[in-house]
Amino acid sequence: MHVPFERVLLPPAPLRPYVSSIVVAARPGDTSTWARLPDTGASLVFCRQSADTSELLAVGPSTRARYKAGPSKPLFVRVGLRAGCARPLLGAALHELADRAVSVDELWGARGARALDELAAAEGDVGGVLRTIEKLLLEGARGERAMDGASRVGLLDRATSLLDGGADLAPERVHALAQRLGLSERQLRRLFQDEIGVSPKRYARIARLRRVLARVGTSSWAQLAAELGFSDQPHMNAEFRELLGVTPRAFVERRFPRVGQCGSIAAPSPRPPEAASARPGPATA
């Protein structure tokens, strides 16, 4: 596989109750700095590093950006898991996986070792890798169907839709959100910790940051801060420094902080505008 590419695939019909997205990419020879943005989703990630080396990782939510310099993998497959489905499919509470990537043989034991053998046998064929991952997830989903998961997934869909849409979540609003969902505040916090891996407040902060990144270039920084719920631009700058390690302008201009290791779960950071009037696309994770 010598030609760089990236494709977002529609999950196969049997996986759609459990999978939110599938990204397949290959960027051989790319040595640029990569960033994994803060991300509230969990995923199963396959990386083929060489003809005889590959790995399958259970990746939890990322509460802060991480950066990596070096070549990308010859083949990268990221399967995003729906909130409420990730915990039973991966076999771990999501807060245990926050800011971590765990090999499936460590997480699943013998089943994980067999999965790695099957993926190695696919020899980097994208179709073979995807079929193997689909089989693994459907095996795990048999246990999910035996559980009463529908109400849990429905609650999380409602809660995350509100927060992704910009619902205010000041501390006193956590209680209001819980009431709206028919839960106690303690139940809501426990639901987020186990099924998403971060608190409702942290989820809201990450969602707001990603809304800013999706609109870079459409308005001034001060206007974005005002429209997206920050008290002022310095408040937004402080949030960028905490979650991304740099100011908004530095991030867009790719003036990243000192590069640290982030394993093989990075994704490319957004390109800076080519001209002052250019409108960059949303950052990816």
Protein backbone atom coordinates (compact mmCIF):
# COMPACT_ATOMS: atom_id res chain seq x y z
CA MET A 1 0.00 0.00 0.00
CA HIS A 2 1.98 2.99 -1.29
CA VAL A 3 -0.58 5.71 -2.09
CA PRO A 4 -1.81 7.86 0.86
CA PHE A 5 -5.55 7.90 1.37
CA GLU A 6 -8.26 8.37 3.98
CA ARG A 7 -11.84 7.14 3.73
CA VAL A 8 -14.81 7.40 6.07
CA LEU A 9 -16.97 4.31 5.61
CA LEU A 10 -20.60 3.65 6.46
CA PRO A 11 -20.70 0.88 9.07
CA PRO A 12 -22.19 -2.39 7.77
CA ALA A 13 -25.84 -2.82 8.72
CA PRO A 14 -25.19 -5.43 11.47
CA LEU A 15 -22.79 -3.03 13.21
CA ARG A 16 -24.84 0.16 13.06
CA PRO A 17 -26.48 -0.34 16.47
CA TYR A 18 -22.99 -0.41 18.01
CA VAL A 19 -20.65 1.55 15.71
CA SER A 20 -20.77 5.28 14.99
CA SER A 21 -18.02 5.56 12.36
CA ILE A 22 -15.25 3.74 10.52
CA VAL A 23 -12.14 5.50 9.22
CA VAL A 24 -9.57 3.73 7.07
CA ALA A 25 -6.31 5.55 6.29
CA ALA A 26 -2.81 5.00 5.00
CA ARG A 27 -0.12 7.67 4.89
CA PRO A 28 3.19 5.96 4.12
CA GLY A 29 6.15 8.28 4.38
CA ASP A 30 4.27 11.07 6.16
CA THR A 31 6.59 12.40 8.88
CA SER A 32 4.59 15.44 9.97
CA THR A 33 3.49 16.07 13.55
CA TRP A 34 0.15 14.49 14.40
CA ALA A 35 -2.37 15.49 17.04
CA ARG A 36 -5.09 13.52 18.75
CA LEU A 37 -7.66 16.03 19.89
CA PRO A 38 -9.65 15.69 23.10
CA ASP A 39 -12.33 13.15 22.23
CA THR A 40 -15.22 11.73 24.25
CA GLY A 41 -15.57 8.64 22.07
CA ALA A 42 -14.09 5.17 22.53
CA SER A 43 -12.89 3.08 19.63
CA LEU A 44 -11.24 -0.08 18.43
CA VAL A 45 -8.10 0.77 16.46
CA PHE A 46 -6.09 -1.49 14.16
CA CYS A 47 -2.61 -0.41 13.06
CA ARG A 48 -0.44 -2.33 10.64
CA GLN A 49 3.07 -1.06 11.27
CA SER A 50 4.96 -3.36 8.92
CA ALA A 51 4.57 -6.65 7.05
CA ASP A 52 5.01 -8.61 10.28
CA THR A 53 3.85 -6.16 12.97
CA SER A 54 0.31 -5.06 13.74
CA GLU A 55 -1.77 -4.23 16.79
CA LEU A 56 -5.41 -3.93 17.81
CA LEU A 57 -6.09 -1.44 20.58
CA ALA A 58 -9.07 -0.54 22.73
CA VAL A 59 -8.84 3.25 22.92
CA GLY A 60 -10.67 5.22 25.58
CA PRO A 61 -11.68 8.88 25.62
CA SER A 62 -8.92 11.46 25.40
CA THR A 63 -9.28 14.30 27.90
CA ARG A 64 -6.42 16.41 26.49
CA ALA A 65 -4.67 16.64 23.15
CA ARG A 66 -1.57 14.56 22.57
CA TYR A 67 1.05 15.07 19.89
CA LYS A 68 3.40 12.78 18.05
CA ALA A 69 6.10 13.27 15.42
CA GLY A 70 7.06 10.53 13.02
CA PRO A 71 5.72 8.41 10.18
CA SER A 72 2.12 7.31 10.21
CA LYS A 73 1.16 3.67 9.91
CA PRO A 74 0.90 1.92 6.52
CA LEU A 75 -2.68 0.99 7.46
CA PHE A 76 -4.87 2.51 10.16
CA VAL A 77 -8.48 1.47 10.86
CA ARG A 78 -10.44 3.28 13.55
CA VAL A 79 -13.88 1.94 14.50
CA GLY A 80 -15.76 4.44 16.65
CA LEU A 81 -18.13 2.85 19.19
CA ARG A 82 -21.47 4.32 20.20
CA ALA A 83 -21.86 5.61 23.73
CA GLY A 84 -23.49 2.92 25.79
CA CYS A 85 -22.11 0.15 23.58
CA ALA A 86 -18.37 0.63 24.12
CA ARG A 87 -18.23 -0.69 27.70
CA PRO A 88 -19.87 -4.08 27.05
CA LEU A 89 -18.07 -4.50 23.72
CA LEU A 90 -14.64 -3.65 25.10
CA GLY A 91 -15.23 -5.34 28.44
CA ALA A 92 -14.14 -2.46 30.66
CA ALA A 93 -15.68 0.61 32.28
CA LEU A 94 -14.69 3.55 30.11
CA HIS A 95 -13.16 5.59 32.93
CA GLU A 96 -10.57 2.80 33.23
CA LEU A 97 -9.59 3.44 29.60
CA ALA A 98 -9.53 7.26 29.73
CA ASP A 99 -6.34 8.56 28.06
CA ARG A 100 -5.20 4.98 27.46
CA ALA A 101 -4.82 2.55 24.58
CA VAL A 102 -4.82 -1.10 25.68
CA SER A 103 -3.96 -4.05 23.47
CA VAL A 104 -6.87 -6.48 23.09
CA ASP A 105 -4.74 -9.42 24.21
CA GLU A 106 -4.27 -7.64 27.54
CA LEU A 107 -7.96 -6.75 27.73
CA TRP A 108 -9.53 -9.95 26.36
CA GLY A 109 -6.90 -12.58 27.08
CA ALA A 110 -7.05 -15.62 24.77
CA ARG A 111 -9.84 -14.09 22.68
CA GLY A 112 -7.66 -11.04 22.06
CA ALA A 113 -4.66 -13.17 21.09
CA ARG A 114 -6.82 -15.03 18.56
CA ALA A 115 -8.04 -11.71 17.18
CA LEU A 116 -4.46 -10.56 16.61
CA ASP A 117 -3.65 -13.82 14.81
CA GLU A 118 -6.69 -13.42 12.54
CA LEU A 119 -5.77 -9.83 11.72
CA ALA A 120 -2.19 -10.82 10.96
CA ALA A 121 -3.53 -13.43 8.54
CA ALA A 122 -5.35 -10.66 6.65
CA GLU A 123 -1.88 -9.35 5.66
CA GLY A 124 -2.99 -5.74 5.43
CA ASP A 125 -5.93 -6.37 3.10
CA VAL A 126 -8.46 -3.68 4.08
CA GLY A 127 -11.49 -5.88 3.34
CA GLY A 128 -10.05 -8.75 5.38
CA VAL A 129 -9.23 -6.47 8.32
CA LEU A 130 -12.74 -4.96 8.31
CA ARG A 131 -14.41 -8.37 8.13
CA THR A 132 -12.32 -9.60 11.05
CA ILE A 133 -13.14 -6.55 13.17
CA GLU A 134 -16.84 -6.90 12.31
CA LYS A 135 -16.75 -10.53 13.44
CA LEU A 136 -15.06 -9.59 16.72
CA LEU A 137 -17.57 -6.86 17.50
CA LEU A 138 -20.57 -9.01 16.69
CA GLU A 139 -19.21 -11.73 18.99
CA GLY A 140 -19.05 -9.14 21.76
CA ALA A 141 -22.47 -7.81 20.82
CA ARG A 142 -24.07 -11.17 21.63
CA GLY A 143 -23.42 -10.39 25.28
CA GLU A 144 -24.68 -6.84 24.74
CA ARG A 145 -27.99 -8.08 23.36
CA ALA A 146 -28.41 -10.25 26.44
CA MET A 147 -28.29 -7.11 28.56
CA ASP A 148 -30.92 -4.43 28.91
CA GLY A 149 -28.88 -1.94 26.93
CA ALA A 150 -31.57 -0.10 24.99
CA SER A 151 -32.56 2.27 27.79
CA ARG A 152 -28.92 3.00 28.61
CA VAL A 153 -28.04 3.82 25.00
CA GLY A 154 -31.18 5.93 24.66
CA LEU A 155 -30.35 7.96 27.77
CA LEU A 156 -26.81 8.57 26.55
CA ASP A 157 -28.02 9.55 23.09
CA ARG A 158 -30.33 12.16 24.63
CA ALA A 159 -27.70 13.47 27.02
CA THR A 160 -24.88 13.70 24.49
CA SER A 161 -27.13 15.28 21.86
CA LEU A 162 -27.95 18.07 24.31
CA LEU A 163 -24.31 18.62 25.20
CA ASP A 164 -23.05 18.36 21.61
CA GLY A 165 -25.66 20.94 20.65
CA GLY A 166 -24.32 23.43 23.16
CA ALA A 167 -26.40 22.91 26.28
CA ASP A 168 -25.00 24.96 29.14
CA LEU A 169 -23.52 22.80 31.88
CA ALA A 170 -22.49 25.02 34.74
CA PRO A 171 -22.31 22.99 37.96
CA GLU A 172 -25.91 23.76 38.89
CA ARG A 173 -27.02 22.61 35.42
CA VAL A 174 -25.74 19.04 35.94
CA HIS A 175 -28.67 18.51 38.29
CA ALA A 176 -31.08 20.01 35.75
CA LEU A 177 -29.77 17.73 33.01
CA ALA A 178 -30.17 14.72 35.29
CA GLN A 179 -33.76 15.70 36.07
CA ARG A 180 -34.50 16.11 32.37
CA LEU A 181 -33.33 12.53 31.81
CA GLY A 182 -35.23 11.16 34.80
CA LEU A 183 -32.05 10.41 36.77
CA SER A 184 -30.47 11.57 39.99
CA GLU A 185 -27.30 13.63 39.64
CA ARG A 186 -25.32 10.71 41.07
CA GLN A 187 -26.82 8.31 38.51
CA LEU A 188 -25.97 10.70 35.66
CA ARG A 189 -22.36 11.07 36.78
CA ARG A 190 -22.00 7.29 37.18
CA LEU A 191 -23.54 6.70 33.75
CA PHE A 192 -21.03 9.04 32.10
CA GLN A 193 -18.06 7.66 34.02
CA ASP A 194 -18.85 4.02 33.17
CA GLU A 195 -20.19 4.40 29.63
CA ILE A 196 -18.24 7.38 28.26
CA GLY A 197 -15.28 7.68 30.61
CA VAL A 198 -15.52 11.37 31.53
CA SER A 199 -17.85 13.45 33.68
CA PRO A 200 -20.79 15.33 32.11
CA LYS A 201 -18.95 18.61 32.77
CA ARG A 202 -15.79 17.39 31.04
CA TYR A 203 -17.86 16.09 28.13
CA ALA A 204 -19.47 19.52 27.69
CA ARG A 205 -16.08 21.28 27.73
CA ILE A 206 -14.64 18.97 25.08
CA ALA A 207 -17.76 19.29 22.92
CA ARG A 208 -17.55 23.09 23.08
CA LEU A 209 -13.86 23.07 22.14
CA ARG A 210 -14.59 20.92 19.11
CA ARG A 211 -17.36 23.32 18.06
CA VAL A 212 -14.81 26.12 18.11
CA LEU A 213 -12.39 24.11 15.96
CA ALA A 214 -15.15 23.29 13.48
CA ARG A 215 -15.76 27.02 12.96
CA VAL A 216 -12.18 28.27 12.75
CA GLY A 217 -11.92 30.86 9.99
CA THR A 218 -15.64 31.73 9.94
CA SER A 219 -15.48 34.52 12.56
CA SER A 220 -12.97 36.34 14.73
CA TRP A 221 -11.72 34.57 17.85
CA ALA A 222 -13.58 37.07 20.04
CA GLN A 223 -16.83 36.45 18.17
CA LEU A 224 -16.42 32.67 18.38
CA ALA A 225 -15.84 32.98 22.12
CA ALA A 226 -19.02 35.04 22.55
CA GLU A 227 -21.17 32.83 20.33
CA LEU A 228 -20.04 29.52 21.84
CA GLY A 229 -20.59 30.28 25.50
CA PHE A 230 -17.23 31.50 26.83
CA SER A 231 -17.28 34.47 29.17
CA ASP A 232 -14.70 36.22 26.94
CA GLN A 233 -11.78 35.48 24.63
CA PRO A 234 -9.23 35.03 27.47
CA HIS A 235 -11.55 32.36 28.92
CA MET A 236 -11.50 30.55 25.56
CA ASN A 237 -7.71 30.92 25.33
CA ALA A 238 -7.33 29.40 28.79
CA GLU A 239 -9.54 26.46 27.78
CA PHE A 240 -7.37 25.87 24.69
CA ARG A 241 -4.21 25.95 26.79
CA GLU A 242 -5.62 23.39 29.21
CA LEU A 243 -7.12 20.99 26.66
CA LEU A 244 -4.75 21.50 23.70
CA GLY A 245 -1.62 22.85 25.37
CA VAL A 246 -1.49 25.93 23.10
CA THR A 247 -3.49 29.05 22.23
CA PRO A 248 -6.14 28.91 19.49
CA ARG A 249 -3.93 30.74 16.98
CA ALA A 250 -0.89 28.57 17.76
CA PHE A 251 -2.91 25.41 17.23
CA VAL A 252 -4.28 26.52 13.86
CA GLU A 253 -0.78 27.57 12.78
CA ARG A 254 0.54 24.15 13.88
CA ARG A 255 2.86 25.65 16.50
CA PHE A 256 2.37 22.66 18.74
CA PRO A 257 3.82 22.11 22.23
CA ARG A 258 6.76 19.81 22.69
CA VAL A 259 5.92 16.50 21.07
CA GLY A 260 5.21 13.58 23.40
CA GLN A 261 4.56 9.95 22.79
CA CYS A 262 0.98 8.94 22.14
CA GLY A 263 1.41 5.42 20.82
CA SER A 264 -0.27 4.63 17.55
CA ILE A 265 -3.62 6.28 18.11
CA ALA A 266 -2.87 9.72 16.69
CA ALA A 267 -4.70 11.39 13.84
CA PRO A 268 -3.66 14.32 11.64
CA SER A 269 -4.14 17.80 12.96
CA PRO A 270 -5.99 20.36 10.85
CA ARG A 271 -4.10 22.24 8.17
CA PRO A 272 -3.64 25.98 8.72
CA PRO A 273 -5.47 28.33 6.37
CA GLU A 274 -3.56 28.87 3.12
CA ALA A 275 -4.76 32.47 3.01
CA ALA A 276 -6.47 34.85 5.37
CA SER A 277 -9.82 34.22 3.73
CA ALA A 278 -9.44 30.43 3.68
CA ARG A 279 -11.83 28.37 5.76
CA PRO A 280 -10.19 25.25 7.17
CA GLY A 281 -12.28 22.13 7.67
CA PRO A 282 -13.09 20.70 11.09
CA ALA A 283 -10.24 19.22 13.07
CA THR A 284 -10.27 15.45 13.29
CA ALA A 285 -9.49 12.99 16.04
